[in-house]
Amino acid sequence: MEERRRAIVQLVDELGSVTLAQLRERFPDVSDVTLRSDLKALDRERCLVRTYGGARSASWLVGSDGMLDERRSRNVGAKRAVAEKAAGLVRPNTTIYIDSGSTATALAAALPDIEALVVTSSLPCANELARKARVRCIVPGGRLNPRSMCLAGAATVRALEGLSFDQAFLAVGGIDEDGSLTCGSDEDAAVKRTFVERAEQVVVLADSSKFGLRRPFAVCGLDDVDVLVCDDAPDELARACAAHDVELV
């Protein structure tokens, strides 16, 4: 049973999503009742997400990087360096947006306690901001993803369409060689595109592990970015930033 369930998780992660019919083909000697029981157990263990008629990869839903608690433990030093650099860009008496994700959460923690209005769809970011006496925080409505602990969906997009930001701090799942910024969730991508359009200045947060990666859903290109904050940018990315007049910090 354990071997079969590991094989199911591997198949779901490889394909992004599977139907019960696909699982039936892969495991012809296993009954539908047993396969459904496997999916239910794996969903409880947060190894995948059950859907009507099948399952989707948990990593696919949260940006192809794994669950938030797992991402927080990766590249900790680089994320802290990016967050501290980005915190130095925040101006008092402004309205800013902080994206969801582990690097964005590090930024929320590093943010100085200044007079500012901060909007975020990330509950971990909101928790960090609640520790600051002078920062006012707004969390828009939406559907909660329990794996990434952020809000997304049509309600979140509608809420952001009624707001404007002096600065928006954008976290992405990947930046490929041509400067395309992508993430692993279509709903997250829609939220990101919305606040990018509503911001006077767009600041991208990206540690070096994100460079050279392409996720399934497009967010924007370097033409939409003003500043890119990173710990160690490769030469090709530095050249792409220069070509698009993006400040590299």
C-alpha atoms as a PDB file:
ATOM      1  CA  MET A   1       0.000   0.000   0.000  1.00  0.00           C
ATOM      2  CA  GLU A   2       2.746   2.473   0.930  1.00  0.00           C
ATOM      3  CA  GLU A   3       4.634   1.756  -2.273  1.00  0.00           C
ATOM      4  CA  ARG A   4       1.468   2.275  -4.333  1.00  0.00           C
ATOM      5  CA  ARG A   5       0.702   5.561  -2.590  1.00  0.00           C
ATOM      6  CA  ARG A   6       4.236   6.832  -3.165  1.00  0.00           C
ATOM      7  CA  ALA A   7       3.819   5.948  -6.837  1.00  0.00           C
ATOM      8  CA  ILE A   8       0.502   7.843  -6.956  1.00  0.00           C
ATOM      9  CA  VAL A   9       2.092  10.990  -5.480  1.00  0.00           C
ATOM     10  CA  GLN A  10       4.982  10.744  -7.940  1.00  0.00           C
ATOM     11  CA  LEU A  11       2.572  10.399 -10.876  1.00  0.00           C
ATOM     12  CA  VAL A  12       0.446  13.346  -9.724  1.00  0.00           C
ATOM     13  CA  ASP A  13       3.519  15.543  -9.223  1.00  0.00           C
ATOM     14  CA  GLU A  14       4.855  14.633 -12.667  1.00  0.00           C
ATOM     15  CA  LEU A  15       1.575  15.360 -14.481  1.00  0.00           C
ATOM     16  CA  GLY A  16       0.229  18.155 -12.291  1.00  0.00           C
ATOM     17  CA  SER A  17      -3.152  16.453 -12.084  1.00  0.00           C
ATOM     18  CA  VAL A  18      -4.634  13.008 -12.750  1.00  0.00           C
ATOM     19  CA  THR A  19      -8.085  11.527 -13.181  1.00  0.00           C
ATOM     20  CA  LEU A  20      -9.357   8.343 -11.611  1.00  0.00           C
ATOM     21  CA  ALA A  21      -9.328   6.794 -15.083  1.00  0.00           C
ATOM     22  CA  GLN A  22      -5.587   7.514 -15.387  1.00  0.00           C
ATOM     23  CA  LEU A  23      -4.960   5.929 -12.013  1.00  0.00           C
ATOM     24  CA  ARG A  24      -7.014   2.937 -13.062  1.00  0.00           C
ATOM     25  CA  GLU A  25      -4.797   2.494 -16.125  1.00  0.00           C
ATOM     26  CA  ARG A  26      -1.638   2.817 -14.032  1.00  0.00           C
ATOM     27  CA  PHE A  27      -2.882   0.387 -11.353  1.00  0.00           C
ATOM     28  CA  PRO A  28      -5.156  -2.062 -13.211  1.00  0.00           C
ATOM     29  CA  ASP A  29      -5.252  -4.561 -10.338  1.00  0.00           C
ATOM     30  CA  VAL A  30      -6.492  -2.007  -7.805  1.00  0.00           C
ATOM     31  CA  SER A  31     -10.195  -1.293  -7.353  1.00  0.00           C
ATOM     32  CA  ASP A  32     -11.730   2.185  -7.674  1.00  0.00           C
ATOM     33  CA  VAL A  33     -12.722   2.013  -4.014  1.00  0.00           C
ATOM     34  CA  THR A  34      -9.111   1.437  -2.975  1.00  0.00           C
ATOM     35  CA  LEU A  35      -7.806   4.178  -5.262  1.00  0.00           C
ATOM     36  CA  ARG A  36     -10.303   6.653  -3.815  1.00  0.00           C
ATOM     37  CA  SER A  37      -9.233   5.596  -0.338  1.00  0.00           C
ATOM     38  CA  ASP A  38      -5.608   6.212  -1.333  1.00  0.00           C
ATOM     39  CA  LEU A  39      -6.439   9.711  -2.580  1.00  0.00           C
ATOM     40  CA  LYS A  40      -8.374  10.504   0.580  1.00  0.00           C
ATOM     41  CA  ALA A  41      -5.471   9.392   2.786  1.00  0.00           C
ATOM     42  CA  LEU A  42      -2.877  11.257   0.710  1.00  0.00           C
ATOM     43  CA  ASP A  43      -5.010  14.404   0.823  1.00  0.00           C
ATOM     44  CA  ARG A  44      -5.165  14.173   4.624  1.00  0.00           C
ATOM     45  CA  GLU A  45      -1.371  13.876   4.675  1.00  0.00           C
ATOM     46  CA  ARG A  46      -1.153  16.924   2.343  1.00  0.00           C
ATOM     47  CA  CYS A  47       0.740  14.929  -0.270  1.00  0.00           C
ATOM     48  CA  LEU A  48      -1.804  15.930  -2.941  1.00  0.00           C
ATOM     49  CA  VAL A  49      -5.187  17.633  -3.271  1.00  0.00           C
ATOM     50  CA  ARG A  50      -8.274  15.599  -4.055  1.00  0.00           C
ATOM     51  CA  THR A  51     -10.503  16.976  -6.792  1.00  0.00           C
ATOM     52  CA  TYR A  52     -13.761  15.821  -8.325  1.00  0.00           C
ATOM     53  CA  GLY A  53     -12.796  12.700 -10.255  1.00  0.00           C
ATOM     54  CA  GLY A  54      -9.095  12.715  -9.423  1.00  0.00           C
ATOM     55  CA  ALA A  55      -6.336  14.732  -7.751  1.00  0.00           C
ATOM     56  CA  ARG A  56      -3.947  17.637  -8.284  1.00  0.00           C
ATOM     57  CA  SER A  57      -0.377  18.094  -7.148  1.00  0.00           C
ATOM     58  CA  ALA A  58      -0.009  20.012  -3.881  1.00  0.00           C
ATOM     59  CA  SER A  59       3.124  21.713  -5.217  1.00  0.00           C
ATOM     60  CA  TRP A  60       1.248  22.728  -8.388  1.00  0.00           C
ATOM     61  CA  LEU A  61      -1.275  24.610  -6.273  1.00  0.00           C
ATOM     62  CA  VAL A  62       1.250  26.515  -4.187  1.00  0.00           C
ATOM     63  CA  GLY A  63       3.696  27.617  -6.830  1.00  0.00           C
ATOM     64  CA  SER A  64       5.494  24.369  -7.685  1.00  0.00           C
ATOM     65  CA  ASP A  65       7.826  24.867  -4.731  1.00  0.00           C
ATOM     66  CA  GLY A  66       6.122  22.813  -2.052  1.00  0.00           C
ATOM     67  CA  MET A  67       4.160  23.876   0.985  1.00  0.00           C
ATOM     68  CA  LEU A  68       4.937  27.162   2.719  1.00  0.00           C
ATOM     69  CA  ASP A  69       6.502  25.600   5.817  1.00  0.00           C
ATOM     70  CA  GLU A  70       8.853  23.620   3.562  1.00  0.00           C
ATOM     71  CA  ARG A  71       9.774  26.667   1.463  1.00  0.00           C
ATOM     72  CA  ARG A  72      10.620  28.693   4.572  1.00  0.00           C
ATOM     73  CA  SER A  73      13.424  26.243   5.332  1.00  0.00           C
ATOM     74  CA  ARG A  74      15.045  26.588   1.891  1.00  0.00           C
ATOM     75  CA  ASN A  75      17.693  29.203   1.033  1.00  0.00           C
ATOM     76  CA  VAL A  76      17.044  30.942   4.340  1.00  0.00           C
ATOM     77  CA  GLY A  77      20.120  33.171   4.192  1.00  0.00           C
ATOM     78  CA  ALA A  78      19.438  34.304   0.633  1.00  0.00           C
ATOM     79  CA  LYS A  79      15.785  35.077   1.389  1.00  0.00           C
ATOM     80  CA  ARG A  80      16.755  37.063   4.463  1.00  0.00           C
ATOM     81  CA  ALA A  81      19.268  39.054   2.417  1.00  0.00           C
ATOM     82  CA  VAL A  82      16.635  39.821  -0.231  1.00  0.00           C
ATOM     83  CA  ALA A  83      14.087  40.802   2.437  1.00  0.00           C
ATOM     84  CA  GLU A  84      16.467  43.163   4.221  1.00  0.00           C
ATOM     85  CA  LYS A  85      17.416  44.876   0.961  1.00  0.00           C
ATOM     86  CA  ALA A  86      13.748  45.244  -0.008  1.00  0.00           C
ATOM     87  CA  ALA A  87      12.777  46.595   3.426  1.00  0.00           C
ATOM     88  CA  GLY A  88      15.229  49.428   2.856  1.00  0.00           C
ATOM     89  CA  LEU A  89      13.243  50.503  -0.215  1.00  0.00           C
ATOM     90  CA  VAL A  90       9.992  51.072   1.679  1.00  0.00           C
ATOM     91  CA  ARG A  91       9.115  54.725   2.177  1.00  0.00           C
ATOM     92  CA  PRO A  92       7.057  56.019   5.134  1.00  0.00           C
ATOM     93  CA  ASN A  93       3.528  57.337   4.624  1.00  0.00           C
ATOM     94  CA  THR A  94       2.932  55.199   1.536  1.00  0.00           C
ATOM     95  CA  THR A  95       0.618  52.378   0.537  1.00  0.00           C
ATOM     96  CA  ILE A  96       2.315  49.129  -0.401  1.00  0.00           C
ATOM     97  CA  TYR A  97       1.360  45.597  -1.375  1.00  0.00           C
ATOM     98  CA  ILE A  98       3.305  42.583  -0.113  1.00  0.00           C
ATOM     99  CA  ASP A  99       2.818  39.358  -2.031  1.00  0.00           C
ATOM    100  CA  SER A 100       2.529  35.862  -0.541  1.00  0.00           C
ATOM    101  CA  GLY A 101       5.367  33.365  -0.164  1.00  0.00           C
ATOM    102  CA  SER A 102       8.352  32.695   2.059  1.00  0.00           C
ATOM    103  CA  THR A 103      10.487  35.611   0.813  1.00  0.00           C
ATOM    104  CA  ALA A 104       7.528  37.994   1.093  1.00  0.00           C
ATOM    105  CA  THR A 105       6.957  36.796   4.664  1.00  0.00           C
ATOM    106  CA  ALA A 106      10.616  37.524   5.415  1.00  0.00           C
ATOM    107  CA  LEU A 107      10.077  41.042   4.033  1.00  0.00           C
ATOM    108  CA  ALA A 108       7.034  41.572   6.262  1.00  0.00           C
ATOM    109  CA  ALA A 109       9.156  40.558   9.260  1.00  0.00           C
ATOM    110  CA  ALA A 110      12.037  42.849   8.220  1.00  0.00           C
ATOM    111  CA  LEU A 111       9.811  45.851   7.490  1.00  0.00           C
ATOM    112  CA  PRO A 112      10.621  48.780   9.788  1.00  0.00           C
ATOM    113  CA  ASP A 113       7.844  49.951  12.087  1.00  0.00           C
ATOM    114  CA  ILE A 114       6.943  53.076  10.108  1.00  0.00           C
ATOM    115  CA  GLU A 115       3.709  54.839   9.245  1.00  0.00           C
ATOM    116  CA  ALA A 116       2.486  52.864   6.241  1.00  0.00           C
ATOM    117  CA  LEU A 117      -0.580  51.093   4.904  1.00  0.00           C
ATOM    118  CA  VAL A 118       0.240  47.555   3.839  1.00  0.00           C
ATOM    119  CA  VAL A 119      -2.116  45.322   1.864  1.00  0.00           C
ATOM    120  CA  THR A 120      -1.366  41.614   1.650  1.00  0.00           C
ATOM    121  CA  SER A 121      -3.214  38.441   0.678  1.00  0.00           C
ATOM    122  CA  SER A 122      -0.829  36.389   2.825  1.00  0.00           C
ATOM    123  CA  LEU A 123      -1.883  35.418   6.335  1.00  0.00           C
ATOM    124  CA  PRO A 124       1.741  34.798   7.466  1.00  0.00           C
ATOM    125  CA  CYS A 125       2.645  38.290   6.220  1.00  0.00           C
ATOM    126  CA  ALA A 126      -0.345  39.765   8.045  1.00  0.00           C
ATOM    127  CA  ASN A 127       0.758  37.979  11.218  1.00  0.00           C
ATOM    128  CA  GLU A 128       4.222  39.552  10.960  1.00  0.00           C
ATOM    129  CA  LEU A 129       2.754  42.996  10.269  1.00  0.00           C
ATOM    130  CA  ALA A 130       0.471  42.719  13.307  1.00  0.00           C
ATOM    131  CA  ARG A 131       3.591  42.926  15.493  1.00  0.00           C
ATOM    132  CA  LYS A 132       4.283  46.491  14.291  1.00  0.00           C
ATOM    133  CA  ALA A 133       2.572  49.343  16.112  1.00  0.00           C
ATOM    134  CA  ARG A 134       2.500  51.943  13.316  1.00  0.00           C
ATOM    135  CA  VAL A 135       1.881  49.749  10.288  1.00  0.00           C
ATOM    136  CA  ARG A 136      -1.764  49.447   9.252  1.00  0.00           C
ATOM    137  CA  CYS A 137      -2.596  46.193   7.491  1.00  0.00           C
ATOM    138  CA  ILE A 138      -5.461  45.300   5.153  1.00  0.00           C
ATOM    139  CA  VAL A 139      -6.169  41.708   4.092  1.00  0.00           C
ATOM    140  CA  PRO A 140      -8.534  41.422   1.097  1.00  0.00           C
ATOM    141  CA  GLY A 141     -11.152  38.683   0.970  1.00  0.00           C
ATOM    142  CA  GLY A 142     -10.890  35.544  -1.091  1.00  0.00           C
ATOM    143  CA  ARG A 143     -10.543  31.777  -0.966  1.00  0.00           C
ATOM    144  CA  LEU A 144      -7.892  30.498   1.432  1.00  0.00           C
ATOM    145  CA  ASN A 145      -5.316  28.042   0.143  1.00  0.00           C
ATOM    146  CA  PRO A 146      -4.451  26.111   3.344  1.00  0.00           C
ATOM    147  CA  ARG A 147      -1.121  24.992   1.916  1.00  0.00           C
ATOM    148  CA  SER A 148       0.261  28.395   1.007  1.00  0.00           C
ATOM    149  CA  MET A 149      -1.881  30.239   3.596  1.00  0.00           C
ATOM    150  CA  CYS A 150      -2.759  32.971   1.111  1.00  0.00           C
ATOM    151  CA  LEU A 151      -6.026  34.259  -0.330  1.00  0.00           C
ATOM    152  CA  ALA A 152      -6.792  34.127  -4.035  1.00  0.00           C
ATOM    153  CA  GLY A 153      -9.656  33.901  -6.486  1.00  0.00           C
ATOM    154  CA  ALA A 154     -12.141  36.296  -8.046  1.00  0.00           C
ATOM    155  CA  ALA A 155     -13.009  38.020  -4.748  1.00  0.00           C
ATOM    156  CA  THR A 156      -9.365  38.862  -4.096  1.00  0.00           C
ATOM    157  CA  VAL A 157      -8.918  40.238  -7.620  1.00  0.00           C
ATOM    158  CA  ARG A 158     -12.047  42.397  -7.297  1.00  0.00           C
ATOM    159  CA  ALA A 159     -10.846  43.811  -3.969  1.00  0.00           C
ATOM    160  CA  LEU A 160      -7.453  44.732  -5.420  1.00  0.00           C
ATOM    161  CA  GLU A 161      -8.996  46.352  -8.491  1.00  0.00           C
ATOM    162  CA  GLY A 162     -10.377  49.049  -6.194  1.00  0.00           C
ATOM    163  CA  LEU A 163      -6.982  49.918  -4.693  1.00  0.00           C
ATOM    164  CA  SER A 164      -3.798  51.681  -5.801  1.00  0.00           C
ATOM    165  CA  PHE A 165      -0.280  51.181  -4.451  1.00  0.00           C
ATOM    166  CA  ASP A 166       2.848  53.306  -4.293  1.00  0.00           C
ATOM    167  CA  GLN A 167       4.917  50.117  -4.257  1.00  0.00           C
ATOM    168  CA  ALA A 168       4.143  46.457  -4.847  1.00  0.00           C
ATOM    169  CA  PHE A 169       6.554  43.737  -3.744  1.00  0.00           C
ATOM    170  CA  LEU A 170       6.112  40.774  -6.052  1.00  0.00           C
ATOM    171  CA  ALA A 171       7.315  37.232  -5.346  1.00  0.00           C
ATOM    172  CA  VAL A 172       7.520  34.771  -8.240  1.00  0.00           C
ATOM    173  CA  GLY A 173       8.174  31.072  -8.709  1.00  0.00           C
ATOM    174  CA  GLY A 174      10.622  31.534 -11.541  1.00  0.00           C
ATOM    175  CA  ILE A 175      12.456  34.014 -13.745  1.00  0.00           C
ATOM    176  CA  ASP A 176      13.632  32.522 -17.008  1.00  0.00           C
ATOM    177  CA  GLU A 177      16.473  33.639 -19.262  1.00  0.00           C
ATOM    178  CA  ASP A 178      14.357  36.073 -21.266  1.00  0.00           C
ATOM    179  CA  GLY A 179      13.023  37.806 -18.137  1.00  0.00           C
ATOM    180  CA  SER A 180       9.567  36.230 -18.017  1.00  0.00           C
ATOM    181  CA  LEU A 181       8.189  36.026 -14.478  1.00  0.00           C
ATOM    182  CA  THR A 182       5.991  33.021 -13.734  1.00  0.00           C
ATOM    183  CA  CYS A 183       4.314  31.147 -10.883  1.00  0.00           C
ATOM    184  CA  GLY A 184       2.723  27.763 -10.321  1.00  0.00           C
ATOM    185  CA  SER A 185      -0.938  28.690  -9.714  1.00  0.00           C
ATOM    186  CA  ASP A 186      -3.368  30.294 -12.133  1.00  0.00           C
ATOM    187  CA  GLU A 187      -5.313  31.974  -9.300  1.00  0.00           C
ATOM    188  CA  ASP A 188      -2.130  33.355  -7.738  1.00  0.00           C
ATOM    189  CA  ALA A 189      -1.009  34.623 -11.146  1.00  0.00           C
ATOM    190  CA  ALA A 190      -4.290  36.531 -11.545  1.00  0.00           C
ATOM    191  CA  VAL A 191      -3.818  38.201  -8.147  1.00  0.00           C
ATOM    192  CA  LYS A 192      -0.210  39.100  -8.962  1.00  0.00           C
ATOM    193  CA  ARG A 193      -1.107  40.599 -12.349  1.00  0.00           C
ATOM    194  CA  THR A 194      -3.807  42.706 -10.700  1.00  0.00           C
ATOM    195  CA  PHE A 195      -1.639  44.354  -8.066  1.00  0.00           C
ATOM    196  CA  VAL A 196       1.200  44.819 -10.563  1.00  0.00           C
ATOM    197  CA  GLU A 197      -1.193  46.837 -12.740  1.00  0.00           C
ATOM    198  CA  ARG A 198      -2.305  48.907  -9.711  1.00  0.00           C
ATOM    199  CA  ALA A 199       1.216  49.828  -8.504  1.00  0.00           C
ATOM    200  CA  GLU A 200       3.295  52.904  -9.308  1.00  0.00           C
ATOM    201  CA  GLN A 201       6.503  50.940  -8.622  1.00  0.00           C
ATOM    202  CA  VAL A 202       6.886  47.153  -8.925  1.00  0.00           C
ATOM    203  CA  VAL A 203       9.675  45.506  -6.921  1.00  0.00           C
ATOM    204  CA  VAL A 204      10.428  41.831  -7.558  1.00  0.00           C
ATOM    205  CA  LEU A 205      11.761  39.688  -4.711  1.00  0.00           C
ATOM    206  CA  ALA A 206      13.819  36.755  -5.976  1.00  0.00           C
ATOM    207  CA  ASP A 207      16.617  34.744  -4.431  1.00  0.00           C
ATOM    208  CA  SER A 208      19.069  33.151  -6.847  1.00  0.00           C
ATOM    209  CA  SER A 209      17.304  29.760  -6.787  1.00  0.00           C
ATOM    210  CA  LYS A 210      14.462  31.276  -8.863  1.00  0.00           C
ATOM    211  CA  PHE A 211      16.664  32.214 -11.842  1.00  0.00           C
ATOM    212  CA  GLY A 212      16.435  30.001 -14.903  1.00  0.00           C
ATOM    213  CA  LEU A 213      13.092  28.514 -13.809  1.00  0.00           C
ATOM    214  CA  ARG A 214       9.817  28.687 -15.715  1.00  0.00           C
ATOM    215  CA  ARG A 215       6.531  27.894 -13.966  1.00  0.00           C
ATOM    216  CA  PRO A 216       3.250  27.167 -15.793  1.00  0.00           C
ATOM    217  CA  PHE A 217       1.481  30.529 -15.405  1.00  0.00           C
ATOM    218  CA  ALA A 218       2.737  33.894 -16.681  1.00  0.00           C
ATOM    219  CA  VAL A 219       2.690  36.894 -14.340  1.00  0.00           C
ATOM    220  CA  CYS A 220       4.498  39.645 -16.249  1.00  0.00           C
ATOM    221  CA  GLY A 221       7.756  40.535 -17.960  1.00  0.00           C
ATOM    222  CA  LEU A 222      10.639  42.804 -17.044  1.00  0.00           C
ATOM    223  CA  ASP A 223       8.922  45.641 -18.923  1.00  0.00           C
ATOM    224  CA  ASP A 224       6.439  45.740 -16.017  1.00  0.00           C
ATOM    225  CA  VAL A 225       9.169  45.769 -13.336  1.00  0.00           C
ATOM    226  CA  ASP A 226      11.010  48.760 -11.863  1.00  0.00           C
ATOM    227  CA  VAL A 227      13.340  47.086  -9.364  1.00  0.00           C
ATOM    228  CA  LEU A 228      14.610  43.521  -8.943  1.00  0.00           C
ATOM    229  CA  VAL A 229      15.992  42.629  -5.511  1.00  0.00           C
ATOM    230  CA  CYS A 230      18.145  39.518  -5.364  1.00  0.00           C
ATOM    231  CA  ASP A 231      21.077  38.011  -3.507  1.00  0.00           C
ATOM    232  CA  ASP A 232      23.196  37.035  -6.515  1.00  0.00           C
ATOM    233  CA  ALA A 233      22.029  37.771 -10.075  1.00  0.00           C
ATOM    234  CA  PRO A 234      23.650  35.831 -12.947  1.00  0.00           C
ATOM    235  CA  ASP A 235      25.207  37.855 -15.756  1.00  0.00           C
ATOM    236  CA  GLU A 236      22.433  37.066 -18.244  1.00  0.00           C
ATOM    237  CA  LEU A 237      19.777  38.358 -15.842  1.00  0.00           C
ATOM    238  CA  ALA A 238      21.797  41.504 -15.143  1.00  0.00           C
ATOM    239  CA  ARG A 239      21.997  42.128 -18.892  1.00  0.00           C
ATOM    240  CA  ALA A 240      18.248  41.555 -19.273  1.00  0.00           C
ATOM    241  CA  CYS A 241      17.545  44.026 -16.450  1.00  0.00           C
ATOM    242  CA  ALA A 242      19.784  46.623 -18.067  1.00  0.00           C
ATOM    243  CA  ALA A 243      18.045  46.145 -21.415  1.00  0.00           C
ATOM    244  CA  HIS A 244      14.634  46.735 -19.795  1.00  0.00           C
ATOM    245  CA  ASP A 245      15.817  49.624 -17.565  1.00  0.00           C
ATOM    246  CA  VAL A 246      15.203  47.594 -14.392  1.00  0.00           C
ATOM    247  CA  GLU A 247      17.209  48.624 -11.342  1.00  0.00           C
ATOM    248  CA  LEU A 248      19.098  45.640  -9.886  1.00  0.00           C
ATOM    249  CA  VAL A 249      19.555  45.778  -6.118  1.00  0.00           C
END
